[in-house]
Amino acid sequence: MRLMREVIRGSVVVRVQVRGWLFAGVGAMAAIPVGVAAMSVSTAVLVVARTGLPAGARVPVFLVACVIAAWAMGLPHGVRRAGVRLANGLLGTELPRPLGPPRSFGDRLRAAAWLPVHTAVGGVVVTTTGLCLMVALVLPSAWLTGEGEMALFWFTASAPRGPAGAWTLLAAAACLLAAAGSAWAGTALLRRLAPVLLGPGPAERAAAAEARSRTLAQRNRLAQELHDSIGHTLTASTIQAAVARELLDRDPQAARRALSSIEETSRAAMDDLDHVVGILREAPASTRPQPTLADLDVLAERIRRTGAALTVETRGDLGHVPATVSREAYRILQECLTNTLKHGGTDGIRLGVTARGDRLRLVVTNPLRTTPPTARAPRPGHGLEGLGERVRLLRGELSAGPTGDGHWQVTADLPLGPHA
C-alpha cells in the first residue's frame, strides 16, 4: 500500500512537471512572432541610424526591441485572458477569470509584462532542457559506438570502450537531472510570477468584492422570498387540510372549498419557486408579476379559508405606493399572517394598512394563544428576523410584542419618499 502511494505521488509530480514544461514551451513558441516583430523593428532602427551606431549595438538593439514587442503584444485583454486560462490549466494556479480590461493603465502595463516574462523564461527552460537531453543522448551513444573522441559544442572529450568511458553514463544522468531541475525552476518561477502579473489589481478586487456583495444580497433576498412564500403556503395548507378532514363528513362542500384553496395556494407557491430557481440558474425567470398591496384581498381570502377570522382595514390611496415598497409590504403582511397562524390565536385577527403623507404604516394584531396547538416542541423560526431585514432594507422601523390586553401586535412604519 505504501509503495502504491509512493508510485501515485511520483506520477503526480511527473505530470505536474510535464505540464510546467509544456507551459514553458508555449512561452518559447510565443517568442517566434515576438522575434519577427523585434527583427523588423531593430532592422529599421539600424537602417535609420546606420551611421550613428557601432556594429556591436545590433544585439542590444534587438534585445530591447524584443522586450518592447513582447510588451506591446501583451497589452490586448484577450492575451491576458489566454494567459490566465493557460496558467490555471498547466501551472495549477487559481487565478480569477478577468471579466473585463484592467481598470487602470498601471494594471494594464503590469498584465502586459507577463508575455515578455513568459517568453523569456519559457525560452530559457526549453533551450536548457533541449541541450541537456541532447547531451544525455550523445554521450552514452559515443561510448557505445566506440568513437573514442567526440566534439561537443566548444569542448572535446574521450569516451573509449570499456570501463574507462563509463563516465558518460554519469554525465548523462547529470544532464537529465539538470533538465528536470531547469523545468522545475522555470515552472516554480512562472507559478510565483503569474499571480503578481496576471492577478487582479486593487480596482479589480474592489469591483469583484462589490459584485460578490451584490450576489450575496440577491441570494439573501431570494431566500427570504422563498421563506415567506413557501412558509405561508405550507402553514395555510396544513390548517386547511385539518379543516377539510374535520368537515369531510359533516360539510362536504366546505371540505371541497378547503381543498380548492390548498390547490390555489400551492400553485402560487410553485410559481414563486419557479421564479426564484430560474434566477438562481440564470435562466429566463417566470413573467408572473410579483404580488403587491393590490393583491391584499386575495391574501386575506386565503387566510379566511383556514378558518381564521380576519378583519382588513385600509386607509389612504394604496395605488400611489411605490412598486418596490408595495411588493415588500405585501411580503411583510404575508409573513405576519403566517406567523399568526403558526403561533397565535385566529379568532380576531386585525390587519391595518395606512398610507398617509410620505409614510406607510402596517399593523397586524392577533390574540395570544393560551394553549399550544400540538404536543410537539416549537421549532425556532426566522419570521421576525426576516421581517426586520425587509423593513431595514426599506429604511423603516419595526416593532413587535404583546400589547398588554392579551394580543400580539406587529407594526412596520415604512417611508415612501425618494429616500425609501
Protein backbone atom coordinates (compact mmCIF):
# COMPACT_ATOMS: atom_id res chain seq x y z
CA MET A 1 0.00 0.00 0.00
CA ARG A 2 2.83 2.36 0.86
CA LEU A 3 4.56 1.50 -2.39
CA MET A 4 1.37 2.27 -4.29
CA ARG A 5 1.09 5.67 -2.59
CA GLU A 6 4.68 6.45 -3.49
CA VAL A 7 4.07 5.47 -7.10
CA ILE A 8 0.94 7.63 -7.27
CA ARG A 9 2.76 10.57 -5.67
CA GLY A 10 5.64 10.18 -8.11
CA SER A 11 3.30 10.06 -11.11
CA VAL A 12 1.57 13.22 -9.91
CA VAL A 13 4.91 15.02 -9.59
CA VAL A 14 5.93 13.90 -13.08
CA ARG A 15 2.59 15.03 -14.50
CA VAL A 16 2.91 18.45 -12.86
CA GLN A 17 6.45 18.86 -14.20
CA VAL A 18 5.38 17.85 -17.70
CA ARG A 19 2.58 20.39 -17.61
CA GLY A 20 5.00 23.05 -16.39
CA TRP A 21 7.38 22.24 -19.24
CA LEU A 22 4.50 22.44 -21.73
CA PHE A 23 3.62 25.84 -20.32
CA ALA A 24 7.22 26.96 -20.77
CA GLY A 25 7.06 25.60 -24.32
CA VAL A 26 4.07 27.80 -25.06
CA GLY A 27 6.14 30.78 -23.96
CA ALA A 28 9.02 29.66 -26.18
CA MET A 29 6.65 29.39 -29.16
CA ALA A 30 5.40 32.90 -28.44
CA ALA A 31 8.99 34.04 -28.95
CA ILE A 32 8.63 33.36 -32.69
CA PRO A 33 6.22 36.23 -33.52
CA VAL A 34 7.97 38.38 -30.94
CA GLY A 35 11.31 37.74 -32.62
CA VAL A 36 9.92 38.50 -36.06
CA ALA A 37 8.46 41.81 -34.86
CA ALA A 38 11.67 42.66 -32.99
CA MET A 39 13.78 41.86 -36.07
CA SER A 40 11.73 44.24 -38.17
CA VAL A 41 11.97 47.00 -35.57
CA SER A 42 15.70 46.56 -34.95
CA THR A 43 16.42 46.45 -38.67
CA ALA A 44 14.51 49.67 -39.18
CA VAL A 45 16.38 51.31 -36.31
CA LEU A 46 19.78 50.22 -37.65
CA VAL A 47 18.92 51.39 -41.16
CA VAL A 48 17.83 54.80 -39.93
CA ALA A 49 20.82 55.21 -37.59
CA ARG A 50 23.39 53.21 -39.56
CA THR A 51 25.98 55.96 -39.25
CA GLY A 52 25.40 56.68 -35.58
CA LEU A 53 25.53 53.18 -34.05
CA PRO A 54 28.54 50.86 -33.75
CA ALA A 55 28.39 47.35 -35.19
CA GLY A 56 28.25 45.82 -31.72
CA ALA A 57 24.98 47.59 -30.99
CA ARG A 58 22.89 45.21 -33.08
CA VAL A 59 22.40 42.61 -30.36
CA PRO A 60 21.38 45.11 -27.62
CA VAL A 61 19.04 46.85 -30.04
CA PHE A 62 17.47 43.51 -30.97
CA LEU A 63 17.01 42.52 -27.32
CA VAL A 64 15.41 45.84 -26.44
CA ALA A 65 13.16 45.50 -29.49
CA CYS A 66 12.16 42.01 -28.30
CA VAL A 67 11.12 43.32 -24.90
CA ILE A 68 9.14 46.21 -26.40
CA ALA A 69 7.45 43.95 -28.98
CA ALA A 70 6.50 41.34 -26.36
CA TRP A 71 5.17 44.04 -24.04
CA ALA A 72 3.10 45.60 -26.84
CA MET A 73 1.73 42.19 -27.88
CA GLY A 74 0.69 41.56 -24.27
CA LEU A 75 -1.45 44.70 -24.00
CA PRO A 76 -4.70 43.32 -25.54
CA HIS A 77 -7.15 41.98 -22.98
CA GLY A 78 -7.52 38.70 -24.86
CA VAL A 79 -3.84 37.90 -24.30
CA ARG A 80 -4.30 38.29 -20.57
CA ARG A 81 -7.36 36.07 -20.53
CA ALA A 82 -5.50 33.40 -22.51
CA GLY A 83 -2.58 33.66 -20.07
CA VAL A 84 -4.90 33.17 -17.10
CA ARG A 85 -6.51 30.09 -18.68
CA LEU A 86 -3.14 28.57 -19.53
CA ALA A 87 -1.70 29.29 -16.08
CA ASN A 88 -4.72 27.74 -14.35
CA GLY A 89 -4.72 24.72 -16.65
CA LEU A 90 -0.99 23.92 -16.82
CA LEU A 91 0.59 25.62 -13.81
CA GLY A 92 -2.18 24.73 -11.37
CA THR A 93 -2.78 28.33 -10.28
CA GLU A 94 -6.22 29.54 -9.22
CA LEU A 95 -6.33 32.97 -10.80
CA PRO A 96 -9.81 34.52 -11.16
CA ARG A 97 -11.01 34.90 -14.72
CA PRO A 98 -10.79 38.59 -15.66
CA LEU A 99 -14.26 39.88 -16.50
CA GLY A 100 -13.03 42.96 -18.32
CA PRO A 101 -9.95 45.00 -19.15
CA PRO A 102 -7.90 46.34 -16.22
CA ARG A 103 -9.42 49.40 -14.58
CA SER A 104 -6.16 51.40 -14.50
CA PHE A 105 -3.35 51.92 -17.00
CA GLY A 106 -0.81 50.70 -14.44
CA ASP A 107 -2.65 47.39 -14.09
CA ARG A 108 -2.73 47.07 -17.85
CA LEU A 109 1.03 47.57 -18.12
CA ARG A 110 1.55 45.07 -15.30
CA ALA A 111 -0.58 42.45 -17.08
CA ALA A 112 1.24 43.14 -20.37
CA ALA A 113 4.58 42.38 -18.67
CA TRP A 114 3.51 38.75 -18.39
CA LEU A 115 4.13 37.98 -22.07
CA PRO A 116 7.81 39.04 -22.13
CA VAL A 117 8.41 37.23 -18.83
CA HIS A 118 6.66 34.08 -20.07
CA THR A 119 8.56 34.25 -23.36
CA ALA A 120 11.96 34.77 -21.72
CA VAL A 121 11.57 32.11 -19.03
CA GLY A 122 9.98 29.65 -21.45
CA GLY A 123 12.77 30.15 -23.97
CA VAL A 124 15.45 29.58 -21.33
CA VAL A 125 13.72 26.44 -20.00
CA VAL A 126 13.11 24.89 -23.42
CA THR A 127 16.64 25.68 -24.62
CA THR A 128 18.28 24.37 -21.45
CA THR A 129 16.26 21.17 -21.29
CA GLY A 130 16.77 20.58 -25.02
CA LEU A 131 20.54 20.90 -24.75
CA CYS A 132 20.69 18.75 -21.63
CA LEU A 133 18.62 15.99 -23.24
CA MET A 134 20.72 16.11 -26.38
CA VAL A 135 23.96 15.79 -24.40
CA ALA A 136 22.43 12.99 -22.31
CA LEU A 137 21.80 11.07 -25.55
CA VAL A 138 25.07 11.88 -27.32
CA LEU A 139 27.49 10.91 -24.53
CA PRO A 140 26.33 7.28 -24.00
CA SER A 141 25.93 6.86 -27.76
CA ALA A 142 29.57 7.88 -28.37
CA TRP A 143 30.73 5.45 -25.69
CA LEU A 144 28.68 2.53 -27.00
CA THR A 145 29.75 3.07 -30.63
CA GLY A 146 33.40 3.28 -29.63
CA GLU A 147 34.14 6.54 -31.41
CA GLY A 148 36.74 7.38 -28.80
CA GLU A 149 36.98 11.13 -29.36
CA MET A 150 33.96 13.34 -29.66
CA ALA A 151 33.43 17.07 -30.02
CA LEU A 152 30.51 18.63 -28.23
CA PHE A 153 29.98 22.37 -28.66
CA TRP A 154 33.21 24.03 -27.53
CA PHE A 155 34.95 21.08 -25.88
CA THR A 156 36.21 17.62 -26.83
CA ALA A 157 36.17 14.51 -24.69
CA SER A 158 37.43 10.94 -24.85
CA ALA A 159 34.97 8.08 -24.45
CA PRO A 160 36.84 4.85 -25.12
CA ARG A 161 35.19 1.45 -24.92
CA GLY A 162 35.14 -0.31 -21.64
CA PRO A 163 35.04 0.93 -18.07
CA ALA A 164 37.14 3.98 -18.90
CA GLY A 165 34.27 5.50 -20.87
CA ALA A 166 31.59 4.73 -18.30
CA TRP A 167 31.81 8.30 -17.07
CA THR A 168 29.45 9.20 -19.94
CA LEU A 169 26.62 7.43 -18.10
CA LEU A 170 27.16 9.58 -15.02
CA ALA A 171 27.38 12.68 -17.18
CA ALA A 172 24.15 11.70 -18.97
CA ALA A 173 22.40 11.22 -15.62
CA ALA A 174 23.63 14.64 -14.50
CA CYS A 175 22.27 16.17 -17.70
CA LEU A 176 18.90 14.56 -17.10
CA LEU A 177 18.85 15.94 -13.57
CA ALA A 178 19.83 19.36 -14.93
CA ALA A 179 16.98 19.20 -17.45
CA ALA A 180 14.49 18.27 -14.71
CA GLY A 181 15.87 20.98 -12.42
CA SER A 182 15.60 23.58 -15.18
CA ALA A 183 11.98 22.64 -15.86
CA TRP A 184 11.19 22.69 -12.14
CA ALA A 185 12.86 26.07 -11.56
CA GLY A 186 11.19 27.65 -14.58
CA THR A 187 7.78 26.29 -13.57
CA ALA A 188 8.20 27.49 -9.98
CA LEU A 189 9.26 30.96 -11.17
CA LEU A 190 6.31 31.27 -13.56
CA ARG A 191 3.89 29.98 -10.92
CA ARG A 192 5.14 32.62 -8.49
CA LEU A 193 5.01 35.47 -11.03
CA ALA A 194 1.61 34.58 -12.51
CA PRO A 195 -0.49 35.97 -9.60
CA VAL A 196 1.71 39.07 -9.42
CA LEU A 197 1.38 39.96 -13.11
CA LEU A 198 -1.88 38.31 -14.20
CA GLY A 199 -3.79 38.60 -10.93
CA PRO A 200 -6.38 41.31 -10.31
CA GLY A 201 -5.30 44.78 -9.26
CA PRO A 202 -6.80 46.77 -6.36
CA ALA A 203 -9.55 48.24 -8.54
CA GLU A 204 -10.48 44.82 -9.91
CA ARG A 205 -10.50 43.28 -6.44
CA ALA A 206 -12.77 46.06 -5.22
CA ALA A 207 -15.11 45.53 -8.19
CA ALA A 208 -15.12 41.75 -7.58
CA ALA A 209 -15.88 42.27 -3.88
CA GLU A 210 -18.74 44.59 -4.80
CA ALA A 211 -20.09 42.04 -7.27
CA ARG A 212 -19.90 39.29 -4.64
CA SER A 213 -21.69 41.55 -2.18
CA ARG A 214 -24.48 42.18 -4.68
CA THR A 215 -24.73 38.45 -5.39
CA LEU A 216 -24.96 37.60 -1.69
CA ALA A 217 -27.57 40.30 -1.16
CA GLN A 218 -29.58 38.93 -4.08
CA ARG A 219 -29.34 35.38 -2.74
CA ASN A 220 -30.40 36.51 0.72
CA ARG A 221 -33.35 38.33 -0.77
CA LEU A 222 -34.35 35.24 -2.77
CA ALA A 223 -34.01 33.07 0.34
CA GLN A 224 -36.33 35.45 2.17
CA GLU A 225 -38.77 35.32 -0.74
CA LEU A 226 -38.83 31.53 -0.58
CA HIS A 227 -39.19 31.56 3.20
CA ASP A 228 -42.15 33.90 3.07
CA SER A 229 -43.94 32.32 0.12
CA ILE A 230 -43.38 28.63 0.82
CA GLY A 231 -43.74 29.08 4.58
CA HIS A 232 -47.07 30.85 4.13
CA THR A 233 -48.30 28.20 1.72
CA LEU A 234 -47.33 25.26 3.93
CA THR A 235 -48.86 26.84 7.02
CA ALA A 236 -52.10 27.74 5.27
CA SER A 237 -52.29 24.34 3.54
CA THR A 238 -51.72 22.46 6.78
CA ILE A 239 -54.52 24.31 8.54
CA GLN A 240 -56.87 23.97 5.56
CA ALA A 241 -56.13 20.24 5.34
CA ALA A 242 -57.04 19.88 9.01
CA VAL A 243 -60.26 21.83 8.40
CA ALA A 244 -61.11 19.67 5.38
CA ARG A 245 -60.58 16.50 7.41
CA GLU A 246 -62.93 17.74 10.15
CA LEU A 247 -65.64 18.80 7.66
CA LEU A 248 -65.33 15.92 5.22
CA ASP A 249 -68.30 14.03 6.71
CA ARG A 250 -70.35 16.93 8.12
CA ASP A 251 -69.97 19.51 5.34
CA PRO A 252 -68.52 18.10 2.10
CA GLN A 253 -68.92 21.44 0.30
CA ALA A 254 -66.80 23.26 2.88
CA ALA A 255 -64.22 20.49 2.67
CA ARG A 256 -64.08 20.90 -1.11
CA ARG A 257 -63.55 24.64 -0.70
CA ALA A 258 -60.68 23.99 1.68
CA LEU A 259 -59.08 21.54 -0.75
CA SER A 260 -59.57 24.01 -3.60
CA SER A 261 -57.83 26.67 -1.52
CA ILE A 262 -54.92 24.31 -0.92
CA GLU A 263 -54.64 23.80 -4.67
CA GLU A 264 -54.62 27.53 -5.38
CA THR A 265 -52.07 28.43 -2.71
CA SER A 266 -49.82 25.53 -3.75
CA ARG A 267 -49.93 26.66 -7.39
CA ALA A 268 -48.98 30.20 -6.36
CA ALA A 269 -46.10 28.84 -4.29
CA MET A 270 -44.88 26.77 -7.24
CA ASP A 271 -44.88 29.92 -9.39
CA ASP A 272 -42.77 31.67 -6.77
CA LEU A 273 -40.42 28.69 -6.59
CA ASP A 274 -40.02 28.62 -10.39
CA HIS A 275 -39.31 32.35 -10.36
CA VAL A 276 -36.55 32.08 -7.75
CA VAL A 277 -34.98 28.91 -9.15
CA GLY A 278 -34.97 30.50 -12.59
CA ILE A 279 -32.97 33.43 -11.25
CA LEU A 280 -30.53 31.15 -9.42
CA ARG A 281 -29.96 29.14 -12.60
CA GLU A 282 -29.61 32.31 -14.68
CA ALA A 283 -32.48 31.02 -16.80
CA PRO A 284 -35.44 33.07 -18.05
CA ALA A 285 -37.50 33.68 -14.93
CA SER A 286 -41.24 33.47 -14.69
CA THR A 287 -43.07 36.50 -16.05
CA ARG A 288 -45.78 36.28 -13.42
CA PRO A 289 -45.96 39.67 -11.66
CA GLN A 290 -44.99 39.68 -8.01
CA PRO A 291 -47.88 40.37 -5.61
CA THR A 292 -48.35 43.88 -4.21
CA LEU A 293 -50.78 45.61 -1.87
CA ALA A 294 -53.28 45.47 -4.73
CA ASP A 295 -53.47 41.71 -4.06
CA LEU A 296 -54.26 42.18 -0.38
CA ASP A 297 -57.82 40.90 -0.84
CA VAL A 298 -56.51 37.61 -2.31
CA LEU A 299 -54.16 37.17 0.66
CA ALA A 300 -56.97 37.91 3.13
CA GLU A 301 -59.27 35.38 1.45
CA ARG A 302 -56.61 32.68 1.72
CA ILE A 303 -56.25 33.36 5.43
CA ARG A 304 -60.02 33.27 5.96
CA ARG A 305 -60.23 29.90 4.20
CA THR A 306 -58.13 28.43 7.01
CA GLY A 307 -60.97 29.25 9.40
CA ALA A 308 -59.35 32.38 10.82
CA ALA A 309 -61.43 35.48 11.49
CA LEU A 310 -59.59 38.31 9.73
CA THR A 311 -60.59 41.96 9.51
CA VAL A 312 -58.81 44.18 6.96
CA GLU A 313 -58.87 47.97 7.13
CA THR A 314 -57.09 50.18 4.59
CA ARG A 315 -56.73 53.95 4.64
CA GLY A 316 -55.30 56.27 2.05
CA ASP A 317 -54.53 55.69 -1.63
CA LEU A 318 -52.51 52.48 -1.83
CA GLY A 319 -52.21 52.87 -5.60
CA HIS A 320 -49.65 55.65 -5.11
CA VAL A 321 -47.34 53.47 -3.01
CA PRO A 322 -44.07 52.86 -4.94
CA ALA A 323 -43.94 49.43 -6.54
CA THR A 324 -40.91 48.28 -4.55
CA VAL A 325 -42.44 49.30 -1.23
CA SER A 326 -45.78 47.79 -2.24
CA ARG A 327 -44.19 44.41 -3.02
CA GLU A 328 -42.20 44.35 0.20
CA ALA A 329 -45.23 45.48 2.23
CA TYR A 330 -47.23 42.58 0.83
CA ARG A 331 -44.48 40.14 1.86
CA ILE A 332 -44.32 41.69 5.33
CA LEU A 333 -48.06 41.28 5.82
CA GLN A 334 -47.91 37.75 4.42
CA GLU A 335 -45.19 36.78 6.90
CA CYS A 336 -47.07 38.39 9.80
CA LEU A 337 -50.22 36.45 8.99
CA THR A 338 -48.24 33.23 8.55
CA ASN A 339 -46.69 33.69 12.00
CA THR A 340 -50.15 34.35 13.39
CA LEU A 341 -51.47 31.06 12.00
CA LYS A 342 -48.45 29.24 13.44
CA HIS A 343 -48.15 30.77 16.87
CA GLY A 344 -51.13 32.98 17.67
CA GLY A 345 -54.86 32.88 18.08
CA THR A 346 -57.02 33.11 14.96
CA ASP A 347 -60.33 34.29 16.42
CA GLY A 348 -59.88 38.03 15.94
CA ILE A 349 -57.00 38.96 13.62
CA ARG A 350 -56.92 42.61 12.57
CA LEU A 351 -54.86 43.93 9.69
CA GLY A 352 -54.46 47.65 9.05
CA VAL A 353 -52.72 49.43 6.17
CA THR A 354 -52.47 53.22 6.21
CA ALA A 355 -50.83 55.36 3.52
CA ARG A 356 -50.57 58.93 4.78
CA GLY A 357 -48.17 61.57 3.50
CA ASP A 358 -44.77 60.01 2.91
CA ARG A 359 -45.27 57.05 5.28
CA LEU A 360 -46.87 53.63 5.02
CA ARG A 361 -47.97 52.01 8.27
CA LEU A 362 -48.69 48.27 8.55
CA VAL A 363 -50.30 46.85 11.70
CA VAL A 364 -51.22 43.20 12.36
CA THR A 365 -52.84 42.30 15.69
CA ASN A 366 -53.93 38.86 16.86
CA PRO A 367 -54.94 37.24 20.16
CA LEU A 368 -52.25 35.40 22.04
CA ARG A 369 -52.67 31.64 22.04
CA THR A 370 -53.25 30.31 25.53
CA THR A 371 -52.58 26.61 24.80
CA PRO A 372 -50.08 25.10 22.39
CA PRO A 373 -51.67 23.74 19.18
CA THR A 374 -49.80 20.42 19.34
CA ALA A 375 -47.68 18.48 21.77
CA ARG A 376 -44.56 18.93 19.65
CA ALA A 377 -41.93 21.35 20.87
CA PRO A 378 -41.91 24.60 18.92
CA ARG A 379 -39.12 24.95 16.40
CA PRO A 380 -37.13 28.17 16.13
CA GLY A 381 -38.07 30.19 13.07
CA HIS A 382 -36.78 33.17 11.14
CA GLY A 383 -40.03 35.12 10.80
CA LEU A 384 -39.24 38.23 12.86
CA GLU A 385 -35.64 38.19 11.65
CA GLY A 386 -36.80 38.19 8.04
CA LEU A 387 -39.32 40.95 8.77
CA GLY A 388 -36.57 43.04 10.33
CA GLU A 389 -34.34 42.59 7.28
CA ARG A 390 -37.09 43.70 4.91
CA VAL A 391 -38.01 46.72 7.00
CA ARG A 392 -34.38 47.79 7.43
CA LEU A 393 -33.83 47.42 3.70
CA LEU A 394 -36.62 49.97 3.17
CA ARG A 395 -35.16 52.17 5.95
CA GLY A 396 -38.24 51.72 8.04
CA GLU A 397 -38.95 50.79 11.66
CA LEU A 398 -40.37 47.56 13.07
CA SER A 399 -41.82 46.79 16.47
CA ALA A 400 -43.35 43.55 17.71
CA GLY A 401 -44.62 42.39 21.09
CA PRO A 402 -47.61 41.91 23.37
CA THR A 403 -49.98 44.83 23.80
CA GLY A 404 -50.96 44.12 27.41
CA ASP A 405 -54.58 43.16 26.65
CA GLY A 406 -53.94 39.59 25.53
CA HIS A 407 -52.92 40.45 21.99
CA TRP A 408 -49.72 40.41 19.95
CA GLN A 409 -49.05 43.31 17.59
CA VAL A 410 -46.53 43.82 14.80
CA THR A 411 -46.09 47.34 13.44
CA ALA A 412 -43.99 48.36 10.45
CA ASP A 413 -43.52 52.02 9.54
CA LEU A 414 -42.09 52.46 6.03
CA PRO A 415 -41.03 55.66 4.24
CA LEU A 416 -42.49 56.38 0.78
CA GLY A 417 -40.25 59.28 -0.25
CA PRO A 418 -37.15 59.26 -2.51
CA HIS A 419 -35.02 58.02 0.38
CA ALA A 420 -37.07 54.83 0.63
